[in-house]
């Protein structure tokens, strides 16, 4: 069954969707604009956020455990922070890709909305 094209957006709605996409949560504005690709953008953002939070929490927990030891050494602290750094790097990269992808989607539906004639209020 072929997918139906998304319905045209008004300019105001397109700006609202773009604002949510860029300032709120990447992908949600794309979904609100009627594009299913927004689900993938949101999933990518959630994966990136999860990886980044895992890295941060494991680093903080490791740092607190090392700092509570009276004989702590800065090399131990460095090793704990290095241990999961690929989660932090991958999470940041996934989040950045999702945000840029949402930016491109926002530009696309803002341009499409500008092509639509403005709707005039009924008297």
N, C-alpha and C. Protein backbone atom coordinates (compact mmCIF):
# COMPACT_ATOMS: atom_id res chain seq x y z
N UNK A 1 0.85 -1.18 0.00
CA UNK A 1 0.00 0.00 0.00
C UNK A 1 0.89 1.24 0.00
N UNK A 2 0.77 2.10 -1.01
CA UNK A 2 1.62 3.28 -1.08
C UNK A 2 1.27 4.27 0.03
N UNK A 3 2.29 4.94 0.50
CA UNK A 3 2.11 5.93 1.55
C UNK A 3 1.59 7.23 0.94
N UNK A 4 0.65 7.86 1.63
CA UNK A 4 0.13 9.13 1.13
C UNK A 4 1.11 10.24 1.47
N UNK A 5 1.23 11.24 0.60
CA UNK A 5 2.15 12.34 0.89
C UNK A 5 1.66 13.14 2.09
N UNK A 6 2.56 13.75 2.83
CA UNK A 6 2.14 14.54 3.98
C UNK A 6 1.31 15.73 3.55
N UNK A 7 0.33 16.08 4.39
CA UNK A 7 -0.51 17.22 4.04
C UNK A 7 0.29 18.51 4.15
N UNK A 8 -0.06 19.52 3.35
CA UNK A 8 0.70 20.77 3.37
C UNK A 8 0.61 21.45 4.74
N UNK A 9 1.69 22.07 5.12
CA UNK A 9 1.75 22.79 6.39
C UNK A 9 1.53 24.27 6.18
N UNK A 10 0.89 24.90 7.15
CA UNK A 10 0.82 26.36 7.14
C UNK A 10 2.19 26.87 7.59
N UNK A 11 2.45 28.12 7.33
CA UNK A 11 3.74 28.68 7.73
C UNK A 11 3.91 28.67 9.25
N UNK A 12 2.85 29.02 9.95
CA UNK A 12 2.94 29.06 11.42
C UNK A 12 3.20 27.66 11.98
N UNK A 13 2.50 26.67 11.45
CA UNK A 13 2.69 25.30 11.93
C UNK A 13 4.09 24.80 11.58
N UNK A 14 4.59 25.16 10.41
CA UNK A 14 5.94 24.75 10.01
C UNK A 14 6.97 25.34 10.96
N UNK A 15 6.80 26.60 11.35
CA UNK A 15 7.74 27.23 12.28
C UNK A 15 7.65 26.58 13.67
N UNK A 16 6.45 26.22 14.07
CA UNK A 16 6.28 25.53 15.35
C UNK A 16 6.99 24.19 15.33
N UNK A 17 6.79 23.44 14.27
CA UNK A 17 7.45 22.13 14.14
C UNK A 17 8.97 22.28 14.09
N UNK A 18 9.46 23.28 13.38
CA UNK A 18 10.90 23.51 13.30
C UNK A 18 11.47 23.90 14.67
N UNK A 19 10.75 24.72 15.40
CA UNK A 19 11.20 25.11 16.73
C UNK A 19 11.28 23.92 17.67
N UNK A 20 10.29 23.06 17.63
CA UNK A 20 10.30 21.86 18.46
C UNK A 20 11.44 20.94 18.03
N UNK A 21 11.65 20.84 16.75
CA UNK A 21 12.73 19.99 16.22
C UNK A 21 14.10 20.46 16.70
N UNK A 22 14.32 21.75 16.72
CA UNK A 22 15.65 22.27 17.03
C UNK A 22 15.85 22.59 18.50
N UNK A 23 14.81 23.05 19.18
CA UNK A 23 14.96 23.49 20.56
C UNK A 23 14.40 22.51 21.57
N UNK A 24 13.53 21.62 21.12
CA UNK A 24 12.92 20.67 22.02
C UNK A 24 13.53 19.30 21.93
N UNK A 25 13.10 18.53 20.96
CA UNK A 25 13.57 17.16 20.81
C UNK A 25 13.62 16.83 19.33
N UNK A 26 14.81 16.59 18.78
CA UNK A 26 14.92 16.29 17.35
C UNK A 26 14.05 15.10 16.95
N UNK A 27 13.29 15.29 15.90
CA UNK A 27 12.43 14.25 15.38
C UNK A 27 10.97 14.48 15.69
N UNK A 28 10.67 15.04 16.85
CA UNK A 28 9.27 15.25 17.23
C UNK A 28 8.62 16.28 16.32
N UNK A 29 9.33 17.34 16.00
CA UNK A 29 8.78 18.33 15.07
C UNK A 29 8.57 17.74 13.69
N UNK A 30 9.45 16.86 13.27
CA UNK A 30 9.30 16.19 11.98
C UNK A 30 8.06 15.31 11.99
N UNK A 31 7.82 14.61 13.08
CA UNK A 31 6.62 13.79 13.22
C UNK A 31 5.38 14.67 13.19
N UNK A 32 5.44 15.79 13.90
CA UNK A 32 4.29 16.71 13.91
C UNK A 32 4.03 17.29 12.53
N UNK A 33 5.08 17.39 11.72
CA UNK A 33 4.92 17.89 10.36
C UNK A 33 4.37 16.82 9.42
N UNK A 34 4.15 15.61 9.94
CA UNK A 34 3.55 14.55 9.14
C UNK A 34 4.54 13.68 8.40
N UNK A 35 5.78 13.69 8.83
CA UNK A 35 6.81 12.88 8.16
C UNK A 35 7.26 11.77 9.09
N UNK A 36 7.14 10.55 8.60
CA UNK A 36 7.45 9.38 9.42
C UNK A 36 8.94 9.22 9.69
N UNK A 37 9.78 9.88 8.93
CA UNK A 37 11.22 9.80 9.14
C UNK A 37 11.60 10.38 10.51
N UNK A 38 10.71 11.16 11.07
CA UNK A 38 10.95 11.72 12.39
C UNK A 38 11.08 10.66 13.47
N UNK A 39 10.44 9.51 13.29
CA UNK A 39 10.58 8.42 14.26
C UNK A 39 12.03 7.93 14.30
N UNK A 40 12.68 7.87 13.16
CA UNK A 40 14.08 7.46 13.12
C UNK A 40 14.98 8.53 13.73
N UNK A 41 14.66 9.79 13.48
CA UNK A 41 15.43 10.87 14.09
C UNK A 41 15.32 10.82 15.61
N UNK A 42 14.11 10.59 16.10
CA UNK A 42 13.90 10.51 17.55
C UNK A 42 14.62 9.30 18.13
N UNK A 43 14.56 8.17 17.45
CA UNK A 43 15.24 6.97 17.94
C UNK A 43 16.75 7.18 18.01
N UNK A 44 17.30 7.81 16.99
CA UNK A 44 18.74 8.09 16.98
C UNK A 44 19.11 9.02 18.13
N UNK A 45 18.27 10.00 18.38
CA UNK A 45 18.52 10.92 19.49
C UNK A 45 18.44 10.20 20.83
N UNK A 46 17.46 9.32 20.99
CA UNK A 46 17.33 8.58 22.24
C UNK A 46 18.53 7.66 22.48
N UNK A 47 19.00 7.01 21.43
CA UNK A 47 20.18 6.15 21.56
C UNK A 47 21.39 6.99 21.95
N UNK A 48 21.57 8.12 21.29
CA UNK A 48 22.69 9.00 21.62
C UNK A 48 22.59 9.52 23.04
N UNK A 49 21.40 9.89 23.46
CA UNK A 49 21.21 10.39 24.82
C UNK A 49 21.50 9.28 25.83
N UNK A 50 21.03 8.07 25.55
CA UNK A 50 21.28 6.95 26.45
C UNK A 50 22.76 6.64 26.59
N UNK A 51 23.47 6.60 25.47
CA UNK A 51 24.91 6.35 25.52
C UNK A 51 25.64 7.43 26.32
N UNK A 52 25.27 8.68 26.07
CA UNK A 52 25.92 9.79 26.77
C UNK A 52 25.64 9.73 28.27
N UNK A 53 24.40 9.44 28.64
CA UNK A 53 24.06 9.35 30.05
C UNK A 53 24.77 8.17 30.72
N UNK A 54 24.89 7.06 30.01
CA UNK A 54 25.62 5.91 30.56
C UNK A 54 27.07 6.31 30.85
N UNK A 55 27.69 6.97 29.91
CA UNK A 55 29.08 7.41 30.10
C UNK A 55 29.20 8.36 31.28
N UNK A 56 28.31 9.32 31.36
CA UNK A 56 28.37 10.30 32.44
C UNK A 56 28.15 9.65 33.79
N UNK A 57 27.14 8.79 33.89
CA UNK A 57 26.85 8.16 35.18
C UNK A 57 27.97 7.23 35.60
N UNK A 58 28.51 6.44 34.68
CA UNK A 58 29.60 5.54 35.06
C UNK A 58 30.85 6.33 35.43
N UNK A 59 31.10 7.44 34.76
CA UNK A 59 32.25 8.27 35.12
C UNK A 59 32.06 8.92 36.48
N UNK A 60 30.86 9.44 36.75
CA UNK A 60 30.61 10.07 38.05
C UNK A 60 30.69 9.05 39.18
N UNK A 61 30.09 7.89 38.97
CA UNK A 61 30.12 6.87 40.02
C UNK A 61 31.55 6.40 40.28
N UNK A 62 32.31 6.20 39.23
CA UNK A 62 33.71 5.81 39.40
C UNK A 62 34.52 6.89 40.08
N UNK A 63 34.27 8.13 39.69
CA UNK A 63 35.01 9.25 40.29
C UNK A 63 34.68 9.38 41.77
N UNK A 64 33.42 9.23 42.13
CA UNK A 64 33.04 9.33 43.54
C UNK A 64 33.66 8.20 44.35
N UNK A 65 33.70 7.00 43.77
CA UNK A 65 34.30 5.89 44.52
C UNK A 65 35.80 6.09 44.69
N UNK A 66 36.46 6.62 43.69
CA UNK A 66 37.90 6.87 43.81
C UNK A 66 38.16 8.00 44.80
N UNK A 67 37.37 9.06 44.74
CA UNK A 67 37.59 10.20 45.62
C UNK A 67 37.27 9.89 47.08
N UNK A 68 36.42 8.90 47.33
CA UNK A 68 36.12 8.50 48.70
C UNK A 68 37.23 7.67 49.32
N UNK A 69 38.11 7.15 48.50
CA UNK A 69 39.25 6.38 48.99
C UNK A 69 40.30 7.36 49.51
N UNK A 70 40.74 7.19 50.76
CA UNK A 70 41.72 8.15 51.29
C UNK A 70 43.07 8.11 50.55
N UNK A 71 43.36 7.03 49.89
CA UNK A 71 44.63 6.91 49.16
C UNK A 71 44.44 7.03 47.65
N UNK A 72 43.51 7.85 47.24
CA UNK A 72 43.20 7.93 45.82
C UNK A 72 44.37 8.52 45.04
N UNK A 73 44.37 8.10 43.77
CA UNK A 73 45.45 8.50 42.87
C UNK A 73 44.81 9.04 41.61
N UNK A 74 45.37 10.10 41.05
CA UNK A 74 44.75 10.69 39.85
C UNK A 74 44.83 9.74 38.65
N UNK A 75 45.76 8.82 38.63
CA UNK A 75 45.80 7.87 37.51
C UNK A 75 44.60 6.93 37.55
N UNK A 76 44.16 6.55 38.75
CA UNK A 76 42.96 5.70 38.87
C UNK A 76 41.74 6.46 38.35
N UNK A 77 41.66 7.71 38.69
CA UNK A 77 40.55 8.54 38.23
C UNK A 77 40.56 8.67 36.71
N UNK A 78 41.71 8.87 36.14
CA UNK A 78 41.82 8.98 34.68
C UNK A 78 41.41 7.68 33.99
N UNK A 79 41.79 6.55 34.57
CA UNK A 79 41.44 5.25 33.99
C UNK A 79 39.93 5.01 34.02
N UNK A 80 39.28 5.42 35.09
CA UNK A 80 37.83 5.24 35.19
C UNK A 80 37.13 6.09 34.14
N UNK A 81 37.58 7.30 33.96
CA UNK A 81 36.94 8.19 32.99
C UNK A 81 37.21 7.70 31.56
N UNK A 82 38.41 7.17 31.30
CA UNK A 82 38.74 6.66 29.97
C UNK A 82 37.99 5.38 29.63
N UNK A 83 37.62 4.63 30.67
CA UNK A 83 37.06 3.29 30.49
C UNK A 83 35.87 3.27 29.53
N UNK A 84 34.93 4.15 29.69
CA UNK A 84 33.75 4.11 28.84
C UNK A 84 33.64 5.29 27.90
N UNK A 85 34.77 5.89 27.56
CA UNK A 85 34.71 7.11 26.76
C UNK A 85 34.08 6.90 25.39
N UNK A 86 34.15 5.67 24.86
CA UNK A 86 33.54 5.43 23.54
C UNK A 86 32.02 5.55 23.60
N UNK A 87 31.44 5.27 24.77
CA UNK A 87 30.01 5.51 24.92
C UNK A 87 29.72 7.00 24.85
N UNK A 88 30.56 7.79 25.46
CA UNK A 88 30.38 9.24 25.42
C UNK A 88 30.58 9.81 24.02
N UNK A 89 31.60 9.30 23.33
CA UNK A 89 31.87 9.78 21.97
C UNK A 89 30.76 9.36 21.03
N UNK A 90 30.37 8.09 21.10
CA UNK A 90 29.30 7.59 20.22
C UNK A 90 27.97 8.28 20.53
N UNK A 91 27.67 8.46 21.79
CA UNK A 91 26.43 9.13 22.17
C UNK A 91 26.37 10.57 21.68
N UNK A 92 27.48 11.26 21.82
CA UNK A 92 27.53 12.65 21.32
C UNK A 92 27.40 12.69 19.81
N UNK A 93 28.05 11.75 19.13
CA UNK A 93 27.96 11.71 17.66
C UNK A 93 26.54 11.39 17.20
N UNK A 94 25.89 10.40 17.83
CA UNK A 94 24.51 10.06 17.46
C UNK A 94 23.59 11.25 17.69
N UNK A 95 23.76 11.92 18.81
CA UNK A 95 22.92 13.08 19.11
C UNK A 95 23.14 14.20 18.10
N UNK A 96 24.38 14.44 17.74
CA UNK A 96 24.69 15.49 16.76
C UNK A 96 24.11 15.16 15.39
N UNK A 97 24.24 13.89 14.98
CA UNK A 97 23.67 13.48 13.68
C UNK A 97 22.16 13.65 13.69
N UNK A 98 21.51 13.25 14.78
CA UNK A 98 20.05 13.39 14.87
C UNK A 98 19.65 14.86 14.81
N UNK A 99 20.40 15.72 15.48
CA UNK A 99 20.07 17.14 15.48
C UNK A 99 20.25 17.75 14.09
N UNK A 100 21.35 17.43 13.42
CA UNK A 100 21.59 17.97 12.07
C UNK A 100 20.54 17.44 11.10
N UNK A 101 20.20 16.16 11.22
CA UNK A 101 19.16 15.57 10.38
C UNK A 101 17.83 16.27 10.60
N UNK A 102 17.50 16.56 11.86
CA UNK A 102 16.28 17.29 12.16
C UNK A 102 16.33 18.72 11.62
N UNK A 103 17.52 19.31 11.64
CA UNK A 103 17.68 20.65 11.06
C UNK A 103 17.39 20.63 9.56
N UNK A 104 17.94 19.64 8.87
CA UNK A 104 17.68 19.54 7.43
C UNK A 104 16.20 19.29 7.14
N UNK A 105 15.56 18.47 7.96
CA UNK A 105 14.12 18.24 7.80
C UNK A 105 13.35 19.53 8.04
N UNK A 106 13.77 20.29 9.05
CA UNK A 106 13.08 21.55 9.36
C UNK A 106 13.20 22.54 8.20
N UNK A 107 14.39 22.65 7.64
CA UNK A 107 14.58 23.54 6.50
C UNK A 107 13.70 23.10 5.33
N UNK A 108 13.61 21.79 5.13
CA UNK A 108 12.81 21.26 4.02
C UNK A 108 11.33 21.61 4.20
N UNK A 109 10.75 21.36 5.38
CA UNK A 109 9.32 21.66 5.47
C UNK A 109 9.04 23.14 5.65
N UNK A 110 10.03 23.93 6.08
CA UNK A 110 9.82 25.39 6.07
C UNK A 110 9.79 25.92 4.65
N UNK A 111 10.65 25.39 3.78
CA UNK A 111 10.63 25.81 2.38
C UNK A 111 9.33 25.39 1.70
N UNK A 112 8.86 24.18 2.01
CA UNK A 112 7.60 23.73 1.42
C UNK A 112 6.44 24.59 1.89
N UNK A 113 6.47 25.02 3.15
CA UNK A 113 5.39 25.86 3.68
C UNK A 113 5.40 27.24 3.03
N UNK A 114 6.57 27.75 2.65
CA UNK A 114 6.63 29.05 2.00
C UNK A 114 6.03 29.00 0.60
N UNK A 115 6.05 27.82 -0.02
CA UNK A 115 5.47 27.69 -1.36
C UNK A 115 3.95 27.67 -1.31
N UNK A 116 3.38 27.32 -0.15
CA UNK A 116 1.93 27.27 -0.01
C UNK A 116 1.36 28.69 0.07
N UNK A 117 0.22 28.95 -0.55
CA UNK A 117 -0.38 30.26 -0.39
C UNK A 117 -0.87 30.44 1.05
N UNK A 118 -0.76 31.64 1.59
CA UNK A 118 -1.20 31.84 2.96
C UNK A 118 -2.71 31.67 3.08
N UNK A 119 -3.14 31.12 4.20
CA UNK A 119 -4.58 30.96 4.43
C UNK A 119 -5.12 32.23 5.06
N UNK A 120 -6.17 32.73 4.49
CA UNK A 120 -6.79 33.95 4.98
C UNK A 120 -7.93 33.59 5.93
N UNK A 121 -8.12 34.37 6.98
CA UNK A 121 -9.23 34.09 7.90
C UNK A 121 -10.56 34.33 7.20
N UNK A 122 -11.53 33.53 7.58
CA UNK A 122 -12.87 33.68 6.99
C UNK A 122 -13.59 34.86 7.67
N UNK A 123 -14.29 35.66 6.85
CA UNK A 123 -14.97 36.84 7.43
C UNK A 123 -16.18 36.45 8.23
